């Protein structure tokens, strides 16, 4: 970050971000097998209600 002139409202703190990189990864849809496994875990982990 480098200190710059304050330019409200666009840059109220007066900092310029340099050499910014962002690592992106593609998200894939779950397979049918993974969906079934997740659903079965949700059903098995429900708390039991006792009176």
PDB file of N, CA and C in Angstrom:
ATOM      1  N   UNK A   1       0.841  -1.170   0.000  1.00  0.00           N
ATOM      2  CA  UNK A   1       0.000   0.000   0.000  1.00  0.00           C
ATOM      3  C   UNK A   1       0.891   1.239   0.000  1.00  0.00           C
ATOM      4  N   UNK A   2       0.418   2.230  -0.667  1.00  0.00           N
ATOM      5  CA  UNK A   2       1.150   3.496  -0.722  1.00  0.00           C
ATOM      6  C   UNK A   2       0.215   4.608  -0.269  1.00  0.00           C
ATOM      7  N   UNK A   3       0.729   5.546   0.501  1.00  0.00           N
ATOM      8  CA  UNK A   3      -0.049   6.684   0.989  1.00  0.00           C
ATOM      9  C   UNK A   3      -0.245   7.671  -0.154  1.00  0.00           C
ATOM     10  N   UNK A   4      -1.505   8.097  -0.368  1.00  0.00           N
ATOM     11  CA  UNK A   4      -1.831   9.071  -1.407  1.00  0.00           C
ATOM     12  C   UNK A   4      -2.690  10.168  -0.794  1.00  0.00           C
ATOM     13  N   UNK A   5      -3.113  11.103  -1.621  1.00  0.00           N
ATOM     14  CA  UNK A   5      -3.996  12.162  -1.152  1.00  0.00           C
ATOM     15  C   UNK A   5      -5.370  11.593  -0.837  1.00  0.00           C
ATOM     16  N   UNK A   6      -6.005  12.139   0.181  1.00  0.00           N
ATOM     17  CA  UNK A   6      -7.364  11.721   0.532  1.00  0.00           C
ATOM     18  C   UNK A   6      -8.322  12.343  -0.474  1.00  0.00           C
ATOM     19  N   UNK A   7      -9.186  11.516  -1.049  1.00  0.00           N
ATOM     20  CA  UNK A   7     -10.164  11.968  -2.029  1.00  0.00           C
ATOM     21  C   UNK A   7     -11.516  11.406  -1.626  1.00  0.00           C
ATOM     22  N   UNK A   8     -12.179  12.078  -0.683  1.00  0.00           N
ATOM     23  CA  UNK A   8     -13.465  11.598  -0.198  1.00  0.00           C
ATOM     24  C   UNK A   8     -14.518  11.817  -1.254  1.00  0.00           C
ATOM     25  N   UNK A   9     -15.424  10.916  -1.550  1.00  0.00           N
ATOM     26  CA  UNK A   9     -15.723   9.628  -0.938  1.00  0.00           C
ATOM     27  C   UNK A   9     -15.033   8.458  -1.633  1.00  0.00           C
ATOM     28  N   UNK A  10     -14.240   8.718  -2.660  1.00  0.00           N
ATOM     29  CA  UNK A  10     -13.651   7.621  -3.426  1.00  0.00           C
ATOM     30  C   UNK A  10     -12.484   6.953  -2.713  1.00  0.00           C
ATOM     31  N   UNK A  11     -11.688   7.709  -1.986  1.00  0.00           N
ATOM     32  CA  UNK A  11     -10.545   7.158  -1.273  1.00  0.00           C
ATOM     33  C   UNK A  11     -10.406   7.891   0.065  1.00  0.00           C
ATOM     34  N   UNK A  12     -11.330   7.610   1.011  1.00  0.00           N
ATOM     35  CA  UNK A  12     -11.349   8.397   2.255  1.00  0.00           C
ATOM     36  C   UNK A  12     -10.132   8.175   3.142  1.00  0.00           C
ATOM     37  N   UNK A  13      -9.417   7.058   2.996  1.00  0.00           N
ATOM     38  CA  UNK A  13      -8.274   6.779   3.864  1.00  0.00           C
ATOM     39  C   UNK A  13      -6.945   7.172   3.233  1.00  0.00           C
ATOM     40  N   UNK A  14      -6.948   7.428   1.925  1.00  0.00           N
ATOM     41  CA  UNK A  14      -5.737   7.894   1.268  1.00  0.00           C
ATOM     42  C   UNK A  14      -4.695   6.825   1.033  1.00  0.00           C
ATOM     43  N   UNK A  15      -5.106   5.593   0.765  1.00  0.00           N
ATOM     44  CA  UNK A  15      -4.160   4.519   0.477  1.00  0.00           C
ATOM     45  C   UNK A  15      -4.396   3.974  -0.925  1.00  0.00           C
ATOM     46  N   UNK A  16      -3.332   3.620  -1.608  1.00  0.00           N
ATOM     47  CA  UNK A  16      -3.394   3.018  -2.930  1.00  0.00           C
ATOM     48  C   UNK A  16      -2.852   1.599  -2.826  1.00  0.00           C
ATOM     49  N   UNK A  17      -3.654   0.623  -3.216  1.00  0.00           N
ATOM     50  CA  UNK A  17      -3.228  -0.780  -3.156  1.00  0.00           C
ATOM     51  C   UNK A  17      -2.486  -1.100  -4.444  1.00  0.00           C
ATOM     52  N   UNK A  18      -1.247  -1.598  -4.316  1.00  0.00           N
ATOM     53  CA  UNK A  18      -0.436  -1.931  -5.482  1.00  0.00           C
ATOM     54  C   UNK A  18      -0.072  -3.414  -5.439  1.00  0.00           C
ATOM     55  N   UNK A  19       0.240  -3.972  -6.581  1.00  0.00           N
ATOM     56  CA  UNK A  19       0.648  -5.377  -6.715  1.00  0.00           C
ATOM     57  C   UNK A  19      -0.374  -6.334  -6.113  1.00  0.00           C
ATOM     58  N   UNK A  20      -1.659  -6.066  -6.353  1.00  0.00           N
ATOM     59  CA  UNK A  20      -2.727  -6.924  -5.834  1.00  0.00           C
ATOM     60  C   UNK A  20      -2.950  -8.082  -6.784  1.00  0.00           C
ATOM     61  N   UNK A  21      -2.962  -9.291  -6.252  1.00  0.00           N
ATOM     62  CA  UNK A  21      -3.290 -10.467  -7.046  1.00  0.00           C
ATOM     63  C   UNK A  21      -4.357 -11.261  -6.312  1.00  0.00           C
ATOM     64  N   UNK A  22      -5.121 -11.986  -7.070  1.00  0.00           N
ATOM     65  CA  UNK A  22      -6.196 -12.780  -6.496  1.00  0.00           C
ATOM     66  C   UNK A  22      -6.166 -14.157  -7.143  1.00  0.00           C
ATOM     67  N   UNK A  23      -6.109 -15.185  -6.323  1.00  0.00           N
ATOM     68  CA  UNK A  23      -6.080 -16.546  -6.840  1.00  0.00           C
ATOM     69  C   UNK A  23      -7.511 -17.081  -6.837  1.00  0.00           C
ATOM     70  N   UNK A  24      -8.016 -17.383  -8.007  1.00  0.00           N
ATOM     71  CA  UNK A  24      -9.378 -17.884  -8.147  1.00  0.00           C
ATOM     72  C   UNK A  24      -9.340 -19.346  -8.532  1.00  0.00           C
ATOM     73  N   UNK A  25     -10.285 -20.108  -8.026  1.00  0.00           N
ATOM     74  CA  UNK A  25     -10.406 -21.497  -8.424  1.00  0.00           C
ATOM     75  C   UNK A  25     -11.859 -21.779  -8.783  1.00  0.00           C
ATOM     76  N   UNK A  26     -12.047 -22.641  -9.740  1.00  0.00           N
ATOM     77  CA  UNK A  26     -13.379 -22.961 -10.212  1.00  0.00           C
ATOM     78  C   UNK A  26     -14.046 -23.931  -9.235  1.00  0.00           C
ATOM     79  N   UNK A  27     -15.297 -23.637  -8.904  1.00  0.00           N
ATOM     80  CA  UNK A  27     -16.076 -24.492  -8.010  1.00  0.00           C
ATOM     81  C   UNK A  27     -16.923 -25.412  -8.875  1.00  0.00           C
ATOM     82  N   UNK A  28     -16.820 -26.698  -8.623  1.00  0.00           N
ATOM     83  CA  UNK A  28     -17.586 -27.663  -9.397  1.00  0.00           C
ATOM     84  C   UNK A  28     -18.800 -28.119  -8.605  1.00  0.00           C
ATOM     85  N   UNK A  29     -19.837 -28.482  -9.315  1.00  0.00           N
ATOM     86  CA  UNK A  29     -21.057 -28.968  -8.683  1.00  0.00           C
ATOM     87  C   UNK A  29     -20.786 -30.338  -8.069  1.00  0.00           C
ATOM     88  N   UNK A  30     -21.408 -30.627  -6.920  1.00  0.00           N
ATOM     89  CA  UNK A  30     -21.187 -31.933  -6.304  1.00  0.00           C
ATOM     90  C   UNK A  30     -21.818 -33.045  -7.145  1.00  0.00           C
ATOM     91  N   UNK A  31     -21.217 -34.219  -7.064  1.00  0.00           N
ATOM     92  CA  UNK A  31     -21.770 -35.366  -7.779  1.00  0.00           C
ATOM     93  C   UNK A  31     -23.010 -35.860  -7.039  1.00  0.00           C
ATOM     94  N   UNK A  32     -23.788 -36.678  -7.697  1.00  0.00           N
ATOM     95  CA  UNK A  32     -25.006 -37.231  -7.083  1.00  0.00           C
ATOM     96  C   UNK A  32     -24.657 -38.036  -5.832  1.00  0.00           C
ATOM     97  N   UNK A  33     -23.543 -38.735  -5.884  1.00  0.00           N
ATOM     98  CA  UNK A  33     -23.095 -39.526  -4.730  1.00  0.00           C
ATOM     99  C   UNK A  33     -22.778 -38.626  -3.531  1.00  0.00           C
ATOM    100  N   UNK A  34     -22.132 -37.487  -3.784  1.00  0.00           N
ATOM    101  CA  UNK A  34     -21.810 -36.555  -2.705  1.00  0.00           C
ATOM    102  C   UNK A  34     -23.069 -35.935  -2.110  1.00  0.00           C
ATOM    103  N   UNK A  35     -24.059 -35.639  -2.948  1.00  0.00           N
ATOM    104  CA  UNK A  35     -25.315 -35.066  -2.466  1.00  0.00           C
ATOM    105  C   UNK A  35     -26.035 -36.059  -1.572  1.00  0.00           C
ATOM    106  N   UNK A  36     -26.074 -37.316  -1.963  1.00  0.00           N
ATOM    107  CA  UNK A  36     -26.734 -38.349  -1.154  1.00  0.00           C
ATOM    108  C   UNK A  36     -26.022 -38.493   0.183  1.00  0.00           C
ATOM    109  N   UNK A  37     -24.699 -38.483   0.178  1.00  0.00           N
ATOM    110  CA  UNK A  37     -23.930 -38.595   1.416  1.00  0.00           C
ATOM    111  C   UNK A  37     -24.207 -37.407   2.337  1.00  0.00           C
ATOM    112  N   UNK A  38     -24.223 -36.198   1.807  1.00  0.00           N
ATOM    113  CA  UNK A  38     -24.495 -35.005   2.619  1.00  0.00           C
ATOM    114  C   UNK A  38     -25.900 -35.064   3.211  1.00  0.00           C
ATOM    115  N   UNK A  39     -26.881 -35.485   2.398  1.00  0.00           N
ATOM    116  CA  UNK A  39     -28.257 -35.584   2.895  1.00  0.00           C
ATOM    117  C   UNK A  39     -28.362 -36.608   4.011  1.00  0.00           C
ATOM    118  N   UNK A  40     -27.674 -37.743   3.876  1.00  0.00           N
ATOM    119  CA  UNK A  40     -27.752 -38.769   4.911  1.00  0.00           C
ATOM    120  C   UNK A  40     -27.082 -38.294   6.204  1.00  0.00           C
ATOM    121  N   UNK A  41     -26.020 -37.493   6.089  1.00  0.00           N
ATOM    122  CA  UNK A  41     -25.374 -36.953   7.283  1.00  0.00           C
ATOM    123  C   UNK A  41     -26.285 -35.957   7.995  1.00  0.00           C
ATOM    124  N   UNK A  42     -27.024 -35.153   7.232  1.00  0.00           N
ATOM    125  CA  UNK A  42     -27.944 -34.189   7.833  1.00  0.00           C
ATOM    126  C   UNK A  42     -29.047 -34.911   8.599  1.00  0.00           C
ATOM    127  N   UNK A  43     -29.571 -35.985   8.021  1.00  0.00           N
ATOM    128  CA  UNK A  43     -30.655 -36.732   8.662  1.00  0.00           C
ATOM    129  C   UNK A  43     -30.151 -37.413   9.926  1.00  0.00           C
ATOM    130  N   UNK A  44     -28.957 -37.993   9.885  1.00  0.00           N
ATOM    131  CA  UNK A  44     -28.425 -38.728  11.035  1.00  0.00           C
ATOM    132  C   UNK A  44     -27.969 -37.822  12.166  1.00  0.00           C
ATOM    133  N   UNK A  45     -27.676 -36.569  11.885  1.00  0.00           N
ATOM    134  CA  UNK A  45     -27.156 -35.665  12.908  1.00  0.00           C
ATOM    135  C   UNK A  45     -28.202 -34.760  13.541  1.00  0.00           C
ATOM    136  N   UNK A  46     -29.498 -35.003  13.251  1.00  0.00           N
ATOM    137  CA  UNK A  46     -30.534 -34.200  13.873  1.00  0.00           C
ATOM    138  C   UNK A  46     -30.582 -34.504  15.360  1.00  0.00           C
ATOM    139  N   UNK A  47     -30.675 -33.470  16.206  1.00  0.00           N
ATOM    140  CA  UNK A  47     -30.753 -33.730  17.647  1.00  0.00           C
ATOM    141  C   UNK A  47     -32.103 -34.343  18.003  1.00  0.00           C
ATOM    142  N   UNK A  48     -32.103 -35.271  18.914  1.00  0.00           N
ATOM    143  CA  UNK A  48     -33.343 -35.891  19.335  1.00  0.00           C
ATOM    144  C   UNK A  48     -33.977 -35.062  20.443  1.00  0.00           C
ATOM    145  N   UNK A  49     -35.293 -34.945  20.373  1.00  0.00           N
ATOM    146  CA  UNK A  49     -36.028 -34.161  21.353  1.00  0.00           C
ATOM    147  C   UNK A  49     -36.649 -35.128  22.351  1.00  0.00           C
ATOM    148  N   UNK A  50     -36.325 -34.926  23.628  1.00  0.00           N
ATOM    149  CA  UNK A  50     -36.896 -35.776  24.671  1.00  0.00           C
ATOM    150  C   UNK A  50     -37.613 -34.884  25.681  1.00  0.00           C
ATOM    151  N   UNK A  51     -38.724 -35.395  26.193  1.00  0.00           N
ATOM    152  CA  UNK A  51     -39.484 -34.622  27.198  1.00  0.00           C
ATOM    153  C   UNK A  51     -39.283 -35.192  28.553  1.00  0.00           C
TER     154      UNK A  51
END
